[in-house]
Amino acid sequence: MKRFFLQAVVAAVALGAFGLAQAQTRTIKFANQNAKGHPIVLGMERFAELVDKRSGGRLKVQVYPGGALGSDQANVSALQGGTLEMASMNSGIFASLVKEFAIYDFPFLFGNPKEADAVVDGPFGQALHKKLEEKGIVGLAYYELGFRELTNSKRPIHKVEDIAGLKLRVIPNPINVDWVKALGANPTPLPFPELYAALEQGAVDGQENPVATIKGAKLYEVQKYLTLTNHQYNPQSVVVSKKFWDTLAPADRKVLEEAAHESAQYERTQSRAMLQSGLEDLKKGGMQVSELPPAEVAKLRDRMKPVIDKHAASVGEATVKAIMAELAKARK
């Protein structure tokens, strides 16, 4: 009888310990707009693996690609409210909260990935992420969406003037509206989850996104012409809700920070390795790919200069000077 009693006590203790462990497990929802298989989603999946391993299973990351939890704008509100734990999105989207983030959307700001890495991983990128905290969001690291290209269903673009008159979907923020207007095209701000249907129905003629996003969203099904312009580079902020962050123990915060930085390096490597194969896949999908001649790229830059000047005044002279100083160091 005594033996059975002891067995019962041991079983009860074990069950209680299991229940406590279960209670301590935290589930982190991690949202993004891109489709499964996109470099950003691969980075998120790597992040989930790292967090699970390094937390001993106490932290579980659930990845939600393809806009499953709503638009970027909806995700920002959910992060601030604490109903969404994490997201990765274009850093420029945060300009609605912190005006200085608009600088990441400046056309032709970065000449190559090395310059972008130096800025986002250095003091400038960290300082901008720090500014988000008073808005209820904590920045952990930067993935990349990459350099943006132009697509449309109307005509091939061989010169800047060919862009005029096109109705182009843009990320919903002022600088993107302004540079499209500067080219004589008609900007239509739309959340990304609405883009495919808008192109399919002819509500817009074209859009601009990096190759991996065009492929992942299957935009080749509703767009015929791709023009390589590299007119913008998008860093992607990996962010966490401050309401959630404040509930974590220091050791768990460290796990998330380290996993974010390590997965960022992995994500950028995947993004850059997949660029050429992505272009080939788009051609196989029926897209006609062209590249603007250097003279036309120079003309494109000139058209965008007034837009840059206007928004430079908005983000502030100190911000412009700080990023230009970082770029100057990266270009040495």
C-alpha atoms as a PDB file:
ATOM      1  CA  MET A   1       0.000   0.000   0.000  1.00  0.00           C
ATOM      2  CA  LYS A   2       2.858   2.297   0.949  1.00  0.00           C
ATOM      3  CA  ARG A   3       4.533   1.597  -2.421  1.00  0.00           C
ATOM      4  CA  PHE A   4       1.374   2.540  -4.333  1.00  0.00           C
ATOM      5  CA  PHE A   5       1.072   5.726  -2.283  1.00  0.00           C
ATOM      6  CA  LEU A   6       4.649   6.724  -3.139  1.00  0.00           C
ATOM      7  CA  GLN A   7       4.032   5.991  -6.813  1.00  0.00           C
ATOM      8  CA  ALA A   8       0.971   8.213  -6.744  1.00  0.00           C
ATOM      9  CA  VAL A   9       2.930  11.045  -5.123  1.00  0.00           C
ATOM     10  CA  VAL A  10       5.740  10.741  -7.701  1.00  0.00           C
ATOM     11  CA  ALA A  11       3.193  10.744 -10.526  1.00  0.00           C
ATOM     12  CA  ALA A  12       1.479  13.817  -9.109  1.00  0.00           C
ATOM     13  CA  VAL A  13       4.775  15.690  -8.778  1.00  0.00           C
ATOM     14  CA  ALA A  14       5.767  14.752 -12.326  1.00  0.00           C
ATOM     15  CA  LEU A  15       2.398  15.871 -13.659  1.00  0.00           C
ATOM     16  CA  GLY A  16       2.685  19.130 -11.760  1.00  0.00           C
ATOM     17  CA  ALA A  17       6.173  19.751 -13.112  1.00  0.00           C
ATOM     18  CA  PHE A  18       4.960  19.016 -16.652  1.00  0.00           C
ATOM     19  CA  GLY A  19       2.070  21.431 -16.194  1.00  0.00           C
ATOM     20  CA  LEU A  20       4.433  24.123 -14.893  1.00  0.00           C
ATOM     21  CA  ALA A  21       6.746  23.634 -17.868  1.00  0.00           C
ATOM     22  CA  GLN A  22       3.784  23.888 -20.204  1.00  0.00           C
ATOM     23  CA  ALA A  23       2.605  27.048 -18.465  1.00  0.00           C
ATOM     24  CA  GLN A  24       6.033  28.610 -18.888  1.00  0.00           C
ATOM     25  CA  THR A  25       6.144  27.928 -22.645  1.00  0.00           C
ATOM     26  CA  ARG A  26       5.563  31.161 -24.593  1.00  0.00           C
ATOM     27  CA  THR A  27       4.247  31.184 -28.147  1.00  0.00           C
ATOM     28  CA  ILE A  28       5.437  33.997 -30.397  1.00  0.00           C
ATOM     29  CA  LYS A  29       3.439  34.834 -33.528  1.00  0.00           C
ATOM     30  CA  PHE A  30       5.804  36.181 -36.232  1.00  0.00           C
ATOM     31  CA  ALA A  31       4.102  37.831 -39.245  1.00  0.00           C
ATOM     32  CA  ASN A  32       5.213  38.888 -42.728  1.00  0.00           C
ATOM     33  CA  GLN A  33       3.619  39.661 -46.103  1.00  0.00           C
ATOM     34  CA  ASN A  34       5.777  37.415 -48.293  1.00  0.00           C
ATOM     35  CA  ALA A  35       4.989  33.882 -49.425  1.00  0.00           C
ATOM     36  CA  LYS A  36       6.496  30.721 -47.995  1.00  0.00           C
ATOM     37  CA  GLY A  37       9.857  30.073 -49.647  1.00  0.00           C
ATOM     38  CA  HIS A  38      10.717  33.784 -49.869  1.00  0.00           C
ATOM     39  CA  PRO A  39      14.142  34.633 -48.356  1.00  0.00           C
ATOM     40  CA  ILE A  40      12.475  36.634 -45.584  1.00  0.00           C
ATOM     41  CA  VAL A  41      10.277  33.695 -44.624  1.00  0.00           C
ATOM     42  CA  LEU A  42      13.346  31.436 -44.724  1.00  0.00           C
ATOM     43  CA  GLY A  43      14.995  33.865 -42.300  1.00  0.00           C
ATOM     44  CA  MET A  44      11.951  33.775 -40.035  1.00  0.00           C
ATOM     45  CA  GLU A  45      11.978  29.979 -40.058  1.00  0.00           C
ATOM     46  CA  ARG A  46      15.667  29.966 -39.159  1.00  0.00           C
ATOM     47  CA  PHE A  47      14.878  32.397 -36.335  1.00  0.00           C
ATOM     48  CA  ALA A  48      12.191  30.015 -35.039  1.00  0.00           C
ATOM     49  CA  GLU A  49      14.650  27.097 -35.047  1.00  0.00           C
ATOM     50  CA  LEU A  50      17.303  29.081 -33.200  1.00  0.00           C
ATOM     51  CA  VAL A  51      14.880  30.348 -30.575  1.00  0.00           C
ATOM     52  CA  ASP A  52      13.445  26.886 -29.921  1.00  0.00           C
ATOM     53  CA  LYS A  53      16.908  25.368 -29.522  1.00  0.00           C
ATOM     54  CA  ARG A  54      18.445  28.117 -27.397  1.00  0.00           C
ATOM     55  CA  SER A  55      15.452  28.524 -25.098  1.00  0.00           C
ATOM     56  CA  GLY A  56      15.218  24.803 -24.487  1.00  0.00           C
ATOM     57  CA  GLY A  57      11.719  24.838 -25.945  1.00  0.00           C
ATOM     58  CA  ARG A  58      10.436  27.535 -23.576  1.00  0.00           C
ATOM     59  CA  LEU A  59       9.905  29.921 -26.510  1.00  0.00           C
ATOM     60  CA  LYS A  60       8.039  28.682 -29.570  1.00  0.00           C
ATOM     61  CA  VAL A  61       7.884  30.836 -32.701  1.00  0.00           C
ATOM     62  CA  GLN A  62       4.968  30.392 -35.079  1.00  0.00           C
ATOM     63  CA  VAL A  63       5.670  31.880 -38.509  1.00  0.00           C
ATOM     64  CA  TYR A  64       2.752  33.468 -40.399  1.00  0.00           C
ATOM     65  CA  PRO A  65       3.778  34.298 -44.013  1.00  0.00           C
ATOM     66  CA  GLY A  66       1.687  35.604 -46.902  1.00  0.00           C
ATOM     67  CA  GLY A  67      -0.160  38.321 -44.983  1.00  0.00           C
ATOM     68  CA  ALA A  68      -2.017  35.675 -42.968  1.00  0.00           C
ATOM     69  CA  LEU A  69      -2.339  38.083 -40.021  1.00  0.00           C
ATOM     70  CA  GLY A  70      -3.316  41.101 -42.106  1.00  0.00           C
ATOM     71  CA  SER A  71      -1.490  43.972 -43.793  1.00  0.00           C
ATOM     72  CA  ASP A  72       1.683  45.633 -42.529  1.00  0.00           C
ATOM     73  CA  GLN A  73      -0.415  48.511 -41.258  1.00  0.00           C
ATOM     74  CA  ALA A  74      -2.651  46.112 -39.301  1.00  0.00           C
ATOM     75  CA  ASN A  75       0.440  44.352 -37.939  1.00  0.00           C
ATOM     76  CA  VAL A  76       1.873  47.652 -36.655  1.00  0.00           C
ATOM     77  CA  SER A  77      -1.319  48.296 -34.671  1.00  0.00           C
ATOM     78  CA  ALA A  78      -1.340  44.725 -33.342  1.00  0.00           C
ATOM     79  CA  LEU A  79       2.297  45.019 -32.230  1.00  0.00           C
ATOM     80  CA  GLN A  80       1.533  48.229 -30.368  1.00  0.00           C
ATOM     81  CA  GLY A  81      -1.535  46.665 -28.778  1.00  0.00           C
ATOM     82  CA  GLY A  82       0.305  43.508 -27.752  1.00  0.00           C
ATOM     83  CA  THR A  83      -1.938  41.118 -29.712  1.00  0.00           C
ATOM     84  CA  LEU A  84       0.928  40.272 -32.120  1.00  0.00           C
ATOM     85  CA  GLU A  85       4.357  39.442 -30.733  1.00  0.00           C
ATOM     86  CA  MET A  86       6.627  39.891 -33.777  1.00  0.00           C
ATOM     87  CA  ALA A  87       6.722  40.986 -37.411  1.00  0.00           C
ATOM     88  CA  SER A  88       9.158  41.750 -40.187  1.00  0.00           C
ATOM     89  CA  MET A  89       8.288  44.588 -42.547  1.00  0.00           C
ATOM     90  CA  ASN A  90       9.806  47.296 -44.732  1.00  0.00           C
ATOM     91  CA  SER A  91      11.572  49.686 -42.391  1.00  0.00           C
ATOM     92  CA  GLY A  92      10.169  52.680 -44.273  1.00  0.00           C
ATOM     93  CA  ILE A  93       6.663  51.754 -43.117  1.00  0.00           C
ATOM     94  CA  PHE A  94       7.612  52.956 -39.636  1.00  0.00           C
ATOM     95  CA  ALA A  95       7.872  56.517 -40.971  1.00  0.00           C
ATOM     96  CA  SER A  96       4.230  56.875 -39.889  1.00  0.00           C
ATOM     97  CA  LEU A  97       5.461  56.476 -36.285  1.00  0.00           C
ATOM     98  CA  VAL A  98       8.988  57.934 -36.454  1.00  0.00           C
ATOM     99  CA  LYS A  99       9.522  60.353 -39.354  1.00  0.00           C
ATOM    100  CA  GLU A 100      13.247  59.550 -39.683  1.00  0.00           C
ATOM    101  CA  PHE A 101      12.442  56.060 -41.004  1.00  0.00           C
ATOM    102  CA  ALA A 102      11.343  57.648 -44.279  1.00  0.00           C
ATOM    103  CA  ILE A 103      15.005  57.968 -45.229  1.00  0.00           C
ATOM    104  CA  TYR A 104      15.156  54.226 -45.887  1.00  0.00           C
ATOM    105  CA  ASP A 105      12.772  54.776 -48.822  1.00  0.00           C
ATOM    106  CA  PHE A 106      14.894  57.455 -50.489  1.00  0.00           C
ATOM    107  CA  PRO A 107      15.423  56.479 -54.141  1.00  0.00           C
ATOM    108  CA  PHE A 108      18.979  55.447 -55.076  1.00  0.00           C
ATOM    109  CA  LEU A 109      20.199  55.797 -51.477  1.00  0.00           C
ATOM    110  CA  PHE A 110      22.229  52.570 -51.524  1.00  0.00           C
ATOM    111  CA  GLY A 111      24.470  51.563 -54.404  1.00  0.00           C
ATOM    112  CA  ASN A 112      24.928  47.936 -53.367  1.00  0.00           C
ATOM    113  CA  PRO A 113      24.183  45.463 -50.529  1.00  0.00           C
ATOM    114  CA  LYS A 114      27.515  46.182 -48.792  1.00  0.00           C
ATOM    115  CA  GLU A 115      26.535  49.814 -48.274  1.00  0.00           C
ATOM    116  CA  ALA A 116      23.122  48.818 -46.954  1.00  0.00           C
ATOM    117  CA  ASP A 117      24.628  46.328 -44.483  1.00  0.00           C
ATOM    118  CA  ALA A 118      27.048  48.925 -43.150  1.00  0.00           C
ATOM    119  CA  VAL A 119      24.231  51.398 -42.463  1.00  0.00           C
ATOM    120  CA  VAL A 120      21.604  49.101 -40.947  1.00  0.00           C
ATOM    121  CA  ASP A 121      24.045  47.073 -38.827  1.00  0.00           C
ATOM    122  CA  GLY A 122      25.919  50.144 -37.619  1.00  0.00           C
ATOM    123  CA  PRO A 123      25.085  52.963 -35.208  1.00  0.00           C
ATOM    124  CA  PHE A 124      22.606  54.588 -37.620  1.00  0.00           C
ATOM    125  CA  GLY A 125      20.379  51.510 -37.977  1.00  0.00           C
ATOM    126  CA  GLN A 126      20.474  50.782 -34.259  1.00  0.00           C
ATOM    127  CA  ALA A 127      19.625  54.392 -33.364  1.00  0.00           C
ATOM    128  CA  LEU A 128      16.564  54.375 -35.610  1.00  0.00           C
ATOM    129  CA  HIS A 129      15.304  51.118 -34.097  1.00  0.00           C
ATOM    130  CA  LYS A 130      15.764  52.640 -30.621  1.00  0.00           C
ATOM    131  CA  LYS A 131      13.351  55.434 -31.565  1.00  0.00           C
ATOM    132  CA  LEU A 132      10.547  52.874 -32.010  1.00  0.00           C
ATOM    133  CA  GLU A 133      10.483  51.917 -28.336  1.00  0.00           C
ATOM    134  CA  GLU A 134       8.467  54.951 -27.251  1.00  0.00           C
ATOM    135  CA  LYS A 135       5.915  53.892 -29.900  1.00  0.00           C
ATOM    136  CA  GLY A 136       5.503  50.436 -28.357  1.00  0.00           C
ATOM    137  CA  ILE A 137       7.818  48.484 -30.686  1.00  0.00           C
ATOM    138  CA  VAL A 138      11.332  47.083 -30.158  1.00  0.00           C
ATOM    139  CA  GLY A 139      13.669  46.676 -33.159  1.00  0.00           C
ATOM    140  CA  LEU A 140      15.900  43.586 -33.029  1.00  0.00           C
ATOM    141  CA  ALA A 141      17.649  43.334 -36.422  1.00  0.00           C
ATOM    142  CA  TYR A 142      17.317  43.956 -40.148  1.00  0.00           C
ATOM    143  CA  TYR A 143      16.490  41.431 -42.847  1.00  0.00           C
ATOM    144  CA  GLU A 144      16.399  42.677 -46.442  1.00  0.00           C
ATOM    145  CA  LEU A 145      13.710  42.764 -49.078  1.00  0.00           C
ATOM    146  CA  GLY A 146      16.329  43.963 -51.545  1.00  0.00           C
ATOM    147  CA  PHE A 147      16.474  46.257 -54.549  1.00  0.00           C
ATOM    148  CA  ARG A 148      13.131  47.086 -56.127  1.00  0.00           C
ATOM    149  CA  GLU A 149      12.328  46.677 -59.823  1.00  0.00           C
ATOM    150  CA  LEU A 150       9.412  47.877 -61.954  1.00  0.00           C
ATOM    151  CA  THR A 151       6.766  45.659 -63.582  1.00  0.00           C
ATOM    152  CA  ASN A 152       3.689  46.412 -65.667  1.00  0.00           C
ATOM    153  CA  SER A 153       1.202  44.793 -68.016  1.00  0.00           C
ATOM    154  CA  LYS A 154       1.087  47.542 -70.669  1.00  0.00           C
ATOM    155  CA  ARG A 155       4.481  47.919 -72.379  1.00  0.00           C
ATOM    156  CA  PRO A 156       8.223  47.327 -72.059  1.00  0.00           C
ATOM    157  CA  ILE A 157      10.108  50.205 -70.405  1.00  0.00           C
ATOM    158  CA  HIS A 158      13.175  51.219 -72.438  1.00  0.00           C
ATOM    159  CA  LYS A 159      13.320  54.879 -71.397  1.00  0.00           C
ATOM    160  CA  VAL A 160      12.054  56.926 -68.468  1.00  0.00           C
ATOM    161  CA  GLU A 161       9.297  58.483 -70.577  1.00  0.00           C
ATOM    162  CA  ASP A 162       7.750  55.014 -71.045  1.00  0.00           C
ATOM    163  CA  ILE A 163       6.759  55.042 -67.356  1.00  0.00           C
ATOM    164  CA  ALA A 164       4.506  58.095 -67.778  1.00  0.00           C
ATOM    165  CA  GLY A 165       0.784  57.399 -67.589  1.00  0.00           C
ATOM    166  CA  LEU A 166       1.083  53.999 -65.911  1.00  0.00           C
ATOM    167  CA  LYS A 167      -1.059  53.402 -62.839  1.00  0.00           C
ATOM    168  CA  LEU A 168       1.402  51.948 -60.315  1.00  0.00           C
ATOM    169  CA  ARG A 169       0.727  50.406 -56.930  1.00  0.00           C
ATOM    170  CA  VAL A 170       3.038  51.810 -54.250  1.00  0.00           C
ATOM    171  CA  ILE A 171       3.664  51.155 -50.578  1.00  0.00           C
ATOM    172  CA  PRO A 172       1.276  53.464 -48.695  1.00  0.00           C
ATOM    173  CA  ASN A 173       3.642  56.251 -47.646  1.00  0.00           C
ATOM    174  CA  PRO A 174       4.277  59.791 -48.976  1.00  0.00           C
ATOM    175  CA  ILE A 175       7.740  59.414 -50.528  1.00  0.00           C
ATOM    176  CA  ASN A 176       6.629  56.547 -52.762  1.00  0.00           C
ATOM    177  CA  VAL A 177       3.594  58.500 -53.918  1.00  0.00           C
ATOM    178  CA  ASP A 178       5.836  61.481 -54.723  1.00  0.00           C
ATOM    179  CA  TRP A 179       8.512  59.690 -56.747  1.00  0.00           C
ATOM    180  CA  VAL A 180       5.919  57.932 -58.899  1.00  0.00           C
ATOM    181  CA  LYS A 181       4.275  61.309 -59.584  1.00  0.00           C
ATOM    182  CA  ALA A 182       7.705  62.727 -60.490  1.00  0.00           C
ATOM    183  CA  LEU A 183       7.915  60.170 -63.303  1.00  0.00           C
ATOM    184  CA  GLY A 184       4.532  61.182 -64.704  1.00  0.00           C
ATOM    185  CA  ALA A 185       2.855  57.967 -63.523  1.00  0.00           C
ATOM    186  CA  ASN A 186      -0.211  57.617 -61.314  1.00  0.00           C
ATOM    187  CA  PRO A 187       0.518  56.247 -57.809  1.00  0.00           C
ATOM    188  CA  THR A 188      -2.038  53.988 -56.133  1.00  0.00           C
ATOM    189  CA  PRO A 189      -1.217  53.189 -52.489  1.00  0.00           C
ATOM    190  CA  LEU A 190      -2.335  49.638 -51.624  1.00  0.00           C
ATOM    191  CA  PRO A 191      -1.499  47.136 -48.874  1.00  0.00           C
ATOM    192  CA  PHE A 192       0.494  44.222 -50.287  1.00  0.00           C
ATOM    193  CA  PRO A 193      -2.206  41.533 -49.735  1.00  0.00           C
ATOM    194  CA  GLU A 194      -4.473  43.469 -52.141  1.00  0.00           C
ATOM    195  CA  LEU A 195      -1.867  43.770 -54.903  1.00  0.00           C
ATOM    196  CA  TYR A 196      -2.359  40.552 -56.902  1.00  0.00           C
ATOM    197  CA  ALA A 197      -6.126  41.061 -57.225  1.00  0.00           C
ATOM    198  CA  ALA A 198      -5.642  44.726 -58.214  1.00  0.00           C
ATOM    199  CA  LEU A 199      -3.243  43.694 -61.001  1.00  0.00           C
ATOM    200  CA  GLU A 200      -5.457  40.817 -62.109  1.00  0.00           C
ATOM    201  CA  GLN A 201      -8.536  43.038 -62.321  1.00  0.00           C
ATOM    202  CA  GLY A 202      -6.663  45.866 -64.071  1.00  0.00           C
ATOM    203  CA  ALA A 203      -7.248  48.316 -61.214  1.00  0.00           C
ATOM    204  CA  VAL A 204      -3.526  49.095 -61.503  1.00  0.00           C
ATOM    205  CA  ASP A 205      -1.154  48.582 -64.447  1.00  0.00           C
ATOM    206  CA  GLY A 206       1.975  47.752 -62.523  1.00  0.00           C
ATOM    207  CA  GLN A 207       3.954  47.771 -59.315  1.00  0.00           C
ATOM    208  CA  GLU A 208       7.529  47.729 -58.017  1.00  0.00           C
ATOM    209  CA  ASN A 209       9.145  45.107 -55.800  1.00  0.00           C
ATOM    210  CA  PRO A 210      12.315  43.024 -55.596  1.00  0.00           C
ATOM    211  CA  VAL A 211      12.667  39.932 -57.791  1.00  0.00           C
ATOM    212  CA  ALA A 212      12.106  37.468 -54.920  1.00  0.00           C
ATOM    213  CA  THR A 213       8.812  39.155 -53.998  1.00  0.00           C
ATOM    214  CA  ILE A 214       7.610  39.276 -57.616  1.00  0.00           C
ATOM    215  CA  LYS A 215       8.328  35.560 -57.901  1.00  0.00           C
ATOM    216  CA  GLY A 216       6.965  34.593 -54.485  1.00  0.00           C
ATOM    217  CA  ALA A 217       3.676  36.428 -55.025  1.00  0.00           C
ATOM    218  CA  LYS A 218       3.391  34.951 -58.564  1.00  0.00           C
ATOM    219  CA  LEU A 219       3.042  38.409 -60.068  1.00  0.00           C
ATOM    220  CA  TYR A 220       4.406  36.989 -63.336  1.00  0.00           C
ATOM    221  CA  GLU A 221       0.902  35.566 -63.796  1.00  0.00           C
ATOM    222  CA  VAL A 222      -0.560  39.078 -64.047  1.00  0.00           C
ATOM    223  CA  GLN A 223       2.440  41.143 -65.246  1.00  0.00           C
ATOM    224  CA  LYS A 224       4.250  40.797 -68.571  1.00  0.00           C
ATOM    225  CA  TYR A 225       7.113  43.321 -68.415  1.00  0.00           C
ATOM    226  CA  LEU A 226       9.905  43.552 -65.831  1.00  0.00           C
ATOM    227  CA  THR A 227      12.382  46.432 -65.930  1.00  0.00           C
ATOM    228  CA  LEU A 228      15.508  46.252 -63.790  1.00  0.00           C
ATOM    229  CA  THR A 229      15.858  49.691 -62.219  1.00  0.00           C
ATOM    230  CA  ASN A 230      17.240  49.079 -58.685  1.00  0.00           C
ATOM    231  CA  HIS A 231      15.574  52.371 -57.788  1.00  0.00           C
ATOM    232  CA  GLN A 232      15.144  51.594 -54.076  1.00  0.00           C
ATOM    233  CA  TYR A 233      16.600  49.218 -51.515  1.00  0.00           C
ATOM    234  CA  ASN A 234      14.350  48.004 -48.699  1.00  0.00           C
ATOM    235  CA  PRO A 235      15.733  46.987 -45.324  1.00  0.00           C
ATOM    236  CA  GLN A 236      13.225  44.920 -43.357  1.00  0.00           C
ATOM    237  CA  SER A 237      12.963  45.586 -39.644  1.00  0.00           C
ATOM    238  CA  VAL A 238      12.553  42.547 -37.410  1.00  0.00           C
ATOM    239  CA  VAL A 239      10.484  43.905 -34.546  1.00  0.00           C
ATOM    240  CA  VAL A 240       8.775  42.729 -31.370  1.00  0.00           C
ATOM    241  CA  SER A 241       5.865  44.171 -29.418  1.00  0.00           C
ATOM    242  CA  LYS A 242       7.178  46.135 -26.428  1.00  0.00           C
ATOM    243  CA  LYS A 243       4.224  44.932 -24.356  1.00  0.00           C
ATOM    244  CA  PHE A 244       5.380  41.359 -24.981  1.00  0.00           C
ATOM    245  CA  TRP A 245       9.079  42.246 -24.648  1.00  0.00           C
ATOM    246  CA  ASP A 246       8.534  43.725 -21.201  1.00  0.00           C
ATOM    247  CA  THR A 247       7.131  40.393 -19.948  1.00  0.00           C
ATOM    248  CA  LEU A 248      10.280  38.456 -20.910  1.00  0.00           C
ATOM    249  CA  ALA A 249      13.132  37.568 -18.589  1.00  0.00           C
ATOM    250  CA  PRO A 250      16.542  39.040 -19.556  1.00  0.00           C
ATOM    251  CA  ALA A 251      17.787  35.597 -20.624  1.00  0.00           C
ATOM    252  CA  ASP A 252      14.856  35.186 -23.025  1.00  0.00           C
ATOM    253  CA  ARG A 253      15.390  38.658 -24.471  1.00  0.00           C
ATOM    254  CA  LYS A 254      18.995  37.703 -25.141  1.00  0.00           C
ATOM    255  CA  VAL A 255      17.837  34.543 -26.949  1.00  0.00           C
ATOM    256  CA  LEU A 256      15.578  36.602 -29.243  1.00  0.00           C
ATOM    257  CA  GLU A 257      18.222  39.248 -29.920  1.00  0.00           C
ATOM    258  CA  GLU A 258      20.934  36.741 -30.797  1.00  0.00           C
ATOM    259  CA  ALA A 259      18.587  34.642 -32.947  1.00  0.00           C
ATOM    260  CA  ALA A 260      17.416  37.771 -34.787  1.00  0.00           C
ATOM    261  CA  HIS A 261      20.973  38.841 -35.644  1.00  0.00           C
ATOM    262  CA  GLU A 262      22.045  35.349 -36.703  1.00  0.00           C
ATOM    263  CA  SER A 263      18.931  34.766 -38.811  1.00  0.00           C
ATOM    264  CA  ALA A 264      19.419  38.203 -40.432  1.00  0.00           C
ATOM    265  CA  GLN A 265      22.816  37.169 -41.765  1.00  0.00           C
ATOM    266  CA  TYR A 266      21.297  33.922 -43.038  1.00  0.00           C
ATOM    267  CA  GLU A 267      18.348  35.726 -44.653  1.00  0.00           C
ATOM    268  CA  ARG A 268      20.516  38.225 -46.528  1.00  0.00           C
ATOM    269  CA  THR A 269      22.739  35.421 -47.806  1.00  0.00           C
ATOM    270  CA  GLN A 270      19.674  33.569 -49.099  1.00  0.00           C
ATOM    271  CA  SER A 271      18.254  36.726 -50.649  1.00  0.00           C
ATOM    272  CA  ARG A 272      21.399  37.513 -52.618  1.00  0.00           C
ATOM    273  CA  ALA A 273      22.043  33.919 -53.676  1.00  0.00           C
ATOM    274  CA  MET A 274      18.530  33.550 -55.070  1.00  0.00           C
ATOM    275  CA  LEU A 275      18.503  36.725 -57.191  1.00  0.00           C
ATOM    276  CA  GLN A 276      19.793  35.285 -60.474  1.00  0.00           C
ATOM    277  CA  SER A 277      17.766  32.086 -60.264  1.00  0.00           C
ATOM    278  CA  GLY A 278      14.717  34.209 -59.460  1.00  0.00           C
ATOM    279  CA  LEU A 279      15.179  36.225 -62.641  1.00  0.00           C
ATOM    280  CA  GLU A 280      15.454  33.025 -64.683  1.00  0.00           C
ATOM    281  CA  ASP A 281      12.270  31.715 -63.092  1.00  0.00           C
ATOM    282  CA  LEU A 282      10.414  34.928 -63.964  1.00  0.00           C
ATOM    283  CA  LYS A 283      11.513  34.598 -67.581  1.00  0.00           C
ATOM    284  CA  LYS A 284      10.292  31.001 -67.618  1.00  0.00           C
ATOM    285  CA  GLY A 285       7.014  32.294 -66.182  1.00  0.00           C
ATOM    286  CA  GLY A 286       6.575  34.454 -69.291  1.00  0.00           C
ATOM    287  CA  MET A 287       7.964  37.820 -68.230  1.00  0.00           C
ATOM    288  CA  GLN A 288       9.991  39.932 -70.636  1.00  0.00           C
ATOM    289  CA  VAL A 289      12.989  41.289 -68.730  1.00  0.00           C
ATOM    290  CA  SER A 290      14.830  44.460 -69.752  1.00  0.00           C
ATOM    291  CA  GLU A 291      17.357  46.765 -68.136  1.00  0.00           C
ATOM    292  CA  LEU A 292      17.424  50.545 -68.339  1.00  0.00           C
ATOM    293  CA  PRO A 293      20.547  51.852 -70.114  1.00  0.00           C
ATOM    294  CA  PRO A 294      22.932  53.909 -67.923  1.00  0.00           C
ATOM    295  CA  ALA A 295      21.822  57.171 -69.559  1.00  0.00           C
ATOM    296  CA  GLU A 296      18.200  56.426 -68.668  1.00  0.00           C
ATOM    297  CA  VAL A 297      19.138  55.503 -65.087  1.00  0.00           C
ATOM    298  CA  ALA A 298      20.875  58.891 -64.823  1.00  0.00           C
ATOM    299  CA  LYS A 299      17.689  60.536 -66.086  1.00  0.00           C
ATOM    300  CA  LEU A 300      15.664  58.539 -63.550  1.00  0.00           C
ATOM    301  CA  ARG A 301      17.920  59.797 -60.750  1.00  0.00           C
ATOM    302  CA  ASP A 302      17.510  63.399 -61.924  1.00  0.00           C
ATOM    303  CA  ARG A 303      13.711  63.106 -61.931  1.00  0.00           C
ATOM    304  CA  MET A 304      13.796  61.898 -58.340  1.00  0.00           C
ATOM    305  CA  LYS A 305      16.141  64.571 -56.955  1.00  0.00           C
ATOM    306  CA  PRO A 306      13.325  67.049 -56.096  1.00  0.00           C
ATOM    307  CA  VAL A 307      11.532  64.259 -54.217  1.00  0.00           C
ATOM    308  CA  ILE A 308      14.663  63.472 -52.217  1.00  0.00           C
ATOM    309  CA  ASP A 309      15.191  67.167 -51.431  1.00  0.00           C
ATOM    310  CA  LYS A 310      11.594  67.529 -50.245  1.00  0.00           C
ATOM    311  CA  HIS A 311      11.720  64.526 -47.931  1.00  0.00           C
ATOM    312  CA  ALA A 312      15.236  65.298 -46.724  1.00  0.00           C
ATOM    313  CA  ALA A 313      13.768  68.433 -45.178  1.00  0.00           C
ATOM    314  CA  SER A 314      11.057  66.308 -43.573  1.00  0.00           C
ATOM    315  CA  VAL A 315      13.356  63.712 -41.960  1.00  0.00           C
ATOM    316  CA  GLY A 316      15.725  66.423 -40.781  1.00  0.00           C
ATOM    317  CA  GLU A 317      19.236  67.565 -41.638  1.00  0.00           C
ATOM    318  CA  ALA A 318      20.799  65.600 -38.766  1.00  0.00           C
ATOM    319  CA  THR A 319      19.368  62.310 -40.044  1.00  0.00           C
ATOM    320  CA  VAL A 320      20.538  62.945 -43.597  1.00  0.00           C
ATOM    321  CA  LYS A 321      24.036  63.898 -42.402  1.00  0.00           C
ATOM    322  CA  ALA A 322      24.255  60.824 -40.169  1.00  0.00           C
ATOM    323  CA  ILE A 323      23.357  58.345 -42.905  1.00  0.00           C
ATOM    324  CA  MET A 324      25.590  60.063 -45.460  1.00  0.00           C
ATOM    325  CA  ALA A 325      28.507  59.842 -43.026  1.00  0.00           C
ATOM    326  CA  GLU A 326      27.918  56.095 -42.634  1.00  0.00           C
ATOM    327  CA  LEU A 327      27.728  55.676 -46.416  1.00  0.00           C
ATOM    328  CA  ALA A 328      30.939  57.637 -46.914  1.00  0.00           C
ATOM    329  CA  LYS A 329      32.729  55.243 -44.545  1.00  0.00           C
ATOM    330  CA  ALA A 330      31.272  52.227 -46.360  1.00  0.00           C
ATOM    331  CA  ARG A 331      32.443  53.564 -49.740  1.00  0.00           C
ATOM    332  CA  LYS A 332      36.100  53.989 -48.742  1.00  0.00           C
END
